[in-house]
């Protein structure tokens, strides 16, 4: 999916306007942040809040495109949790939006329950 997104963004963007694409691939880890073993994760997300967040972030200066995919259900260690792409003009445009987007998704959009 990431390779397809990259190709689509590059093809639809004027070369003089596209200077950076950042990608995040969140993966289910085998240990929690506290160091406990994890074998699986239950994951859900609020689609309406996600759509609203992406629309809001796309309006930021210098941002050309944002793509987000979030997995759902029972995930195993090694499964993808989410894919996030932010494309824009300059690093100074892209990095803050990318950081804010991923942080907000983790805090306000997804619900994760790590299980042993």
N, C-alpha and C. Protein backbone atom coordinates (compact mmCIF):
# COMPACT_ATOMS: atom_id res chain seq x y z
N UNK A 1 0.82 -1.19 0.00
CA UNK A 1 0.00 0.00 0.00
C UNK A 1 0.88 1.26 0.00
N UNK A 2 1.95 1.24 0.77
CA UNK A 2 2.82 2.42 0.85
C UNK A 2 3.41 2.77 -0.52
N UNK A 3 3.89 1.76 -1.23
CA UNK A 3 4.47 2.01 -2.55
C UNK A 3 3.42 2.59 -3.50
N UNK A 4 2.20 2.11 -3.42
CA UNK A 4 1.12 2.64 -4.25
C UNK A 4 0.84 4.10 -3.88
N UNK A 5 0.75 4.38 -2.57
CA UNK A 5 0.52 5.76 -2.13
C UNK A 5 1.63 6.68 -2.63
N UNK A 6 2.88 6.25 -2.49
CA UNK A 6 4.01 7.08 -2.93
C UNK A 6 3.89 7.40 -4.42
N UNK A 7 3.62 6.38 -5.23
CA UNK A 7 3.49 6.58 -6.67
C UNK A 7 2.34 7.55 -6.98
N UNK A 8 1.20 7.37 -6.32
CA UNK A 8 0.04 8.23 -6.57
C UNK A 8 0.34 9.68 -6.19
N UNK A 9 0.96 9.89 -5.04
CA UNK A 9 1.26 11.26 -4.60
C UNK A 9 2.25 11.91 -5.54
N UNK A 10 3.29 11.18 -5.92
CA UNK A 10 4.29 11.74 -6.84
C UNK A 10 3.67 12.06 -8.20
N UNK A 11 2.79 11.20 -8.69
CA UNK A 11 2.17 11.41 -10.00
C UNK A 11 1.20 12.57 -10.03
N UNK A 12 0.53 12.84 -8.92
CA UNK A 12 -0.48 13.91 -8.92
C UNK A 12 0.07 15.26 -8.48
N UNK A 13 1.30 15.29 -7.95
CA UNK A 13 1.86 16.53 -7.42
C UNK A 13 2.84 17.15 -8.40
N UNK A 14 2.79 18.46 -8.49
CA UNK A 14 3.77 19.17 -9.31
C UNK A 14 5.14 19.04 -8.66
N UNK A 15 6.18 18.70 -9.42
CA UNK A 15 7.50 18.48 -8.83
C UNK A 15 8.04 19.68 -8.06
N UNK A 16 7.69 20.88 -8.45
CA UNK A 16 8.19 22.06 -7.74
C UNK A 16 7.51 22.25 -6.39
N UNK A 17 6.40 21.55 -6.16
CA UNK A 17 5.69 21.70 -4.90
C UNK A 17 5.90 20.56 -3.91
N UNK A 18 6.43 19.44 -4.40
CA UNK A 18 6.60 18.27 -3.55
C UNK A 18 8.06 18.12 -3.17
N UNK A 19 8.36 18.29 -1.88
CA UNK A 19 9.74 18.21 -1.43
C UNK A 19 9.99 17.15 -0.38
N UNK A 20 8.91 16.62 0.23
CA UNK A 20 9.10 15.62 1.28
C UNK A 20 7.85 14.77 1.43
N UNK A 21 8.09 13.48 1.66
CA UNK A 21 7.03 12.55 2.02
C UNK A 21 7.52 11.77 3.23
N UNK A 22 6.75 11.81 4.31
CA UNK A 22 7.07 11.03 5.51
C UNK A 22 6.05 9.91 5.64
N UNK A 23 6.53 8.73 6.06
CA UNK A 23 5.68 7.58 6.22
C UNK A 23 5.90 6.96 7.59
N UNK A 24 4.82 6.57 8.23
CA UNK A 24 4.86 5.87 9.52
C UNK A 24 4.17 4.53 9.34
N UNK A 25 4.81 3.46 9.83
CA UNK A 25 4.21 2.13 9.82
C UNK A 25 4.26 1.60 11.24
N UNK A 26 3.14 1.74 11.97
CA UNK A 26 3.06 1.23 13.34
C UNK A 26 2.81 -0.26 13.33
N UNK A 27 3.54 -1.00 14.16
CA UNK A 27 3.49 -2.46 14.17
C UNK A 27 3.27 -2.94 15.60
N UNK A 28 2.52 -4.02 15.78
CA UNK A 28 2.31 -4.61 17.10
C UNK A 28 3.64 -5.18 17.59
N UNK A 29 4.10 -4.68 18.74
CA UNK A 29 5.35 -5.14 19.36
C UNK A 29 5.10 -6.36 20.22
N UNK A 30 6.16 -7.10 20.50
CA UNK A 30 6.08 -8.27 21.37
C UNK A 30 6.16 -7.93 22.83
N UNK A 31 6.40 -6.65 23.16
CA UNK A 31 6.41 -6.20 24.55
C UNK A 31 5.69 -4.87 24.65
N UNK A 32 5.06 -4.64 25.80
CA UNK A 32 4.39 -3.36 26.04
C UNK A 32 5.44 -2.30 26.36
N UNK A 33 5.02 -1.05 26.44
CA UNK A 33 5.94 0.03 26.83
C UNK A 33 6.49 -0.19 28.23
N UNK A 34 5.75 -0.94 29.04
CA UNK A 34 6.18 -1.24 30.41
C UNK A 34 7.04 -2.50 30.47
N UNK A 35 7.28 -3.14 29.33
CA UNK A 35 8.14 -4.31 29.29
C UNK A 35 7.44 -5.65 29.45
N UNK A 36 6.11 -5.64 29.57
CA UNK A 36 5.35 -6.88 29.69
C UNK A 36 5.23 -7.56 28.32
N UNK A 37 5.21 -8.89 28.30
CA UNK A 37 5.04 -9.59 27.02
C UNK A 37 3.65 -9.32 26.43
N UNK A 38 3.60 -9.22 25.13
CA UNK A 38 2.35 -9.02 24.40
C UNK A 38 2.28 -10.08 23.30
N UNK A 39 1.14 -10.75 23.18
CA UNK A 39 0.97 -11.74 22.11
C UNK A 39 -0.03 -11.26 21.06
N UNK A 40 -0.91 -10.34 21.49
CA UNK A 40 -1.91 -9.81 20.57
C UNK A 40 -2.44 -8.47 21.08
N UNK A 41 -3.22 -7.83 20.23
CA UNK A 41 -3.78 -6.53 20.56
C UNK A 41 -5.17 -6.43 19.96
N UNK A 42 -6.10 -5.89 20.72
CA UNK A 42 -7.41 -5.55 20.19
C UNK A 42 -7.38 -4.07 19.84
N UNK A 43 -7.75 -3.76 18.62
CA UNK A 43 -7.64 -2.39 18.12
C UNK A 43 -8.93 -1.97 17.44
N UNK A 44 -9.37 -0.77 17.77
CA UNK A 44 -10.51 -0.16 17.08
C UNK A 44 -10.21 1.33 16.94
N UNK A 45 -10.99 2.00 16.10
CA UNK A 45 -10.79 3.44 15.95
C UNK A 45 -12.08 4.11 15.54
N UNK A 46 -12.11 5.43 15.75
CA UNK A 46 -13.27 6.25 15.43
C UNK A 46 -13.07 6.83 14.03
N UNK A 47 -13.77 6.26 13.04
CA UNK A 47 -13.60 6.66 11.64
C UNK A 47 -13.99 8.13 11.41
N UNK A 48 -15.04 8.58 12.06
CA UNK A 48 -15.50 9.96 11.88
C UNK A 48 -14.45 10.95 12.39
N UNK A 49 -13.90 10.68 13.56
CA UNK A 49 -12.85 11.56 14.10
C UNK A 49 -11.62 11.55 13.21
N UNK A 50 -11.29 10.38 12.67
CA UNK A 50 -10.12 10.28 11.79
C UNK A 50 -10.32 11.11 10.53
N UNK A 51 -11.48 10.99 9.89
CA UNK A 51 -11.75 11.78 8.68
C UNK A 51 -11.66 13.27 8.97
N UNK A 52 -12.21 13.70 10.09
CA UNK A 52 -12.18 15.10 10.47
C UNK A 52 -10.74 15.58 10.71
N UNK A 53 -9.97 14.77 11.41
CA UNK A 53 -8.57 15.11 11.67
C UNK A 53 -7.78 15.24 10.38
N UNK A 54 -7.95 14.31 9.47
CA UNK A 54 -7.21 14.36 8.20
C UNK A 54 -7.61 15.59 7.40
N UNK A 55 -8.91 15.89 7.33
CA UNK A 55 -9.36 17.11 6.62
C UNK A 55 -8.72 18.36 7.21
N UNK A 56 -8.71 18.44 8.53
CA UNK A 56 -8.13 19.60 9.22
C UNK A 56 -6.63 19.73 8.91
N UNK A 57 -5.90 18.63 8.98
CA UNK A 57 -4.46 18.68 8.75
C UNK A 57 -4.10 18.96 7.29
N UNK A 58 -4.94 18.52 6.36
CA UNK A 58 -4.69 18.78 4.93
C UNK A 58 -4.77 20.26 4.60
N UNK A 59 -5.44 21.03 5.44
CA UNK A 59 -5.58 22.47 5.19
C UNK A 59 -4.33 23.26 5.61
N UNK A 60 -3.39 22.62 6.26
CA UNK A 60 -2.19 23.32 6.73
C UNK A 60 -1.34 23.74 5.55
N UNK A 61 -0.68 24.88 5.70
CA UNK A 61 0.18 25.41 4.63
C UNK A 61 1.26 24.41 4.24
N UNK A 62 1.41 24.23 2.93
CA UNK A 62 2.48 23.40 2.41
C UNK A 62 2.19 21.91 2.38
N UNK A 63 1.00 21.49 2.82
CA UNK A 63 0.66 20.07 2.82
C UNK A 63 -0.09 19.74 1.52
N UNK A 64 0.43 18.76 0.80
CA UNK A 64 -0.17 18.36 -0.48
C UNK A 64 -1.11 17.17 -0.34
N UNK A 65 -0.78 16.24 0.55
CA UNK A 65 -1.63 15.06 0.68
C UNK A 65 -1.37 14.39 2.02
N UNK A 66 -2.40 13.71 2.52
CA UNK A 66 -2.30 12.89 3.73
C UNK A 66 -3.09 11.62 3.46
N UNK A 67 -2.49 10.50 3.79
CA UNK A 67 -3.17 9.20 3.68
C UNK A 67 -3.03 8.48 5.01
N UNK A 68 -4.11 7.84 5.46
CA UNK A 68 -4.08 7.08 6.71
C UNK A 68 -4.88 5.81 6.52
N UNK A 69 -4.31 4.71 6.96
CA UNK A 69 -5.00 3.43 7.04
C UNK A 69 -4.77 2.87 8.43
N UNK A 70 -5.84 2.44 9.09
CA UNK A 70 -5.73 1.86 10.43
C UNK A 70 -6.38 0.48 10.42
N UNK A 71 -5.67 -0.49 10.94
CA UNK A 71 -6.17 -1.85 11.06
C UNK A 71 -7.20 -1.91 12.18
N UNK A 72 -8.00 -2.97 12.21
CA UNK A 72 -8.99 -3.15 13.27
C UNK A 72 -9.09 -4.61 13.65
N UNK A 73 -9.59 -4.85 14.86
CA UNK A 73 -9.84 -6.21 15.31
C UNK A 73 -8.70 -6.74 16.15
N UNK A 74 -8.60 -8.08 16.18
CA UNK A 74 -7.53 -8.71 16.96
C UNK A 74 -6.30 -8.85 16.09
N UNK A 75 -5.23 -8.21 16.51
CA UNK A 75 -3.96 -8.22 15.77
C UNK A 75 -2.93 -9.04 16.53
N UNK A 76 -2.04 -9.63 15.81
CA UNK A 76 -0.94 -10.42 16.39
C UNK A 76 0.36 -9.63 16.33
N UNK A 77 1.33 -10.05 17.11
CA UNK A 77 2.66 -9.43 17.07
C UNK A 77 3.16 -9.45 15.63
N UNK A 78 3.65 -8.30 15.18
CA UNK A 78 4.15 -8.17 13.82
C UNK A 78 3.14 -7.63 12.83
N UNK A 79 1.85 -7.64 13.19
CA UNK A 79 0.83 -7.09 12.30
C UNK A 79 0.94 -5.57 12.25
N UNK A 80 0.54 -5.00 11.12
CA UNK A 80 0.49 -3.55 10.99
C UNK A 80 -0.67 -3.00 11.80
N UNK A 81 -0.38 -1.94 12.57
CA UNK A 81 -1.41 -1.21 13.30
C UNK A 81 -1.95 -0.10 12.41
N UNK A 82 -1.03 0.68 11.83
CA UNK A 82 -1.46 1.79 10.99
C UNK A 82 -0.37 2.15 10.00
N UNK A 83 -0.80 2.79 8.92
CA UNK A 83 0.08 3.40 7.94
C UNK A 83 -0.34 4.85 7.82
N UNK A 84 0.63 5.76 7.86
CA UNK A 84 0.35 7.19 7.75
C UNK A 84 1.35 7.79 6.77
N UNK A 85 0.86 8.59 5.85
CA UNK A 85 1.72 9.30 4.90
C UNK A 85 1.35 10.77 4.91
N UNK A 86 2.35 11.63 4.99
CA UNK A 86 2.15 13.07 4.88
C UNK A 86 3.13 13.58 3.83
N UNK A 87 2.60 14.25 2.80
CA UNK A 87 3.42 14.79 1.72
C UNK A 87 3.26 16.30 1.68
N UNK A 88 4.36 16.99 1.40
CA UNK A 88 4.27 18.43 1.33
C UNK A 88 5.47 19.08 0.70
N UNK A 89 5.49 20.38 0.82
CA UNK A 89 6.46 21.22 0.16
C UNK A 89 7.83 21.15 0.81
N UNK A 90 7.90 21.51 2.09
CA UNK A 90 9.18 21.59 2.80
C UNK A 90 9.13 20.76 4.07
N UNK A 91 10.30 20.40 4.57
CA UNK A 91 10.41 19.67 5.84
C UNK A 91 9.70 20.44 6.94
N UNK A 92 9.85 21.75 6.95
CA UNK A 92 9.23 22.57 8.01
C UNK A 92 7.71 22.59 7.92
N UNK A 93 7.15 22.23 6.76
CA UNK A 93 5.69 22.08 6.62
C UNK A 93 5.26 20.68 7.04
N UNK A 94 6.00 19.67 6.62
CA UNK A 94 5.60 18.28 6.76
C UNK A 94 5.80 17.73 8.17
N UNK A 95 6.97 17.95 8.75
CA UNK A 95 7.30 17.31 10.04
C UNK A 95 6.31 17.67 11.15
N UNK A 96 5.97 18.94 11.36
CA UNK A 96 5.01 19.24 12.44
C UNK A 96 3.63 18.61 12.23
N UNK A 97 3.16 18.59 11.00
CA UNK A 97 1.86 18.00 10.71
C UNK A 97 1.93 16.49 10.93
N UNK A 98 3.00 15.87 10.48
CA UNK A 98 3.20 14.43 10.66
C UNK A 98 3.20 14.06 12.14
N UNK A 99 3.99 14.78 12.93
CA UNK A 99 4.07 14.50 14.37
C UNK A 99 2.72 14.71 15.06
N UNK A 100 2.05 15.78 14.74
CA UNK A 100 0.75 16.08 15.34
C UNK A 100 -0.30 15.03 14.94
N UNK A 101 -0.29 14.66 13.68
CA UNK A 101 -1.25 13.69 13.17
C UNK A 101 -1.10 12.34 13.87
N UNK A 102 0.13 11.81 13.91
CA UNK A 102 0.36 10.50 14.53
C UNK A 102 0.05 10.56 16.03
N UNK A 103 0.46 11.62 16.70
CA UNK A 103 0.19 11.75 18.14
C UNK A 103 -1.31 11.80 18.42
N UNK A 104 -2.05 12.55 17.62
CA UNK A 104 -3.49 12.67 17.83
C UNK A 104 -4.19 11.36 17.54
N UNK A 105 -3.77 10.66 16.50
CA UNK A 105 -4.35 9.34 16.21
C UNK A 105 -4.14 8.42 17.40
N UNK A 106 -2.93 8.38 17.94
CA UNK A 106 -2.63 7.49 19.06
C UNK A 106 -3.41 7.88 20.32
N UNK A 107 -3.56 9.18 20.58
CA UNK A 107 -4.22 9.64 21.81
C UNK A 107 -5.74 9.66 21.72
N UNK A 108 -6.29 10.05 20.56
CA UNK A 108 -7.71 10.36 20.48
C UNK A 108 -8.53 9.52 19.51
N UNK A 109 -7.87 8.80 18.61
CA UNK A 109 -8.60 8.12 17.55
C UNK A 109 -8.65 6.61 17.76
N UNK A 110 -7.52 6.02 18.13
CA UNK A 110 -7.47 4.56 18.27
C UNK A 110 -7.66 4.15 19.73
N UNK A 111 -8.18 2.96 19.88
CA UNK A 111 -8.29 2.32 21.19
C UNK A 111 -7.55 0.99 21.09
N UNK A 112 -6.47 0.87 21.88
CA UNK A 112 -5.63 -0.31 21.85
C UNK A 112 -5.69 -1.03 23.20
N UNK A 113 -5.78 -2.35 23.13
CA UNK A 113 -5.71 -3.17 24.34
C UNK A 113 -4.70 -4.27 24.07
N UNK A 114 -3.53 -4.14 24.70
CA UNK A 114 -2.48 -5.16 24.54
C UNK A 114 -2.77 -6.33 25.47
N UNK A 115 -2.65 -7.53 24.94
CA UNK A 115 -2.97 -8.74 25.70
C UNK A 115 -1.76 -9.68 25.72
N UNK A 116 -1.58 -10.36 26.85
CA UNK A 116 -0.48 -11.33 26.98
C UNK A 116 -0.83 -12.63 26.31
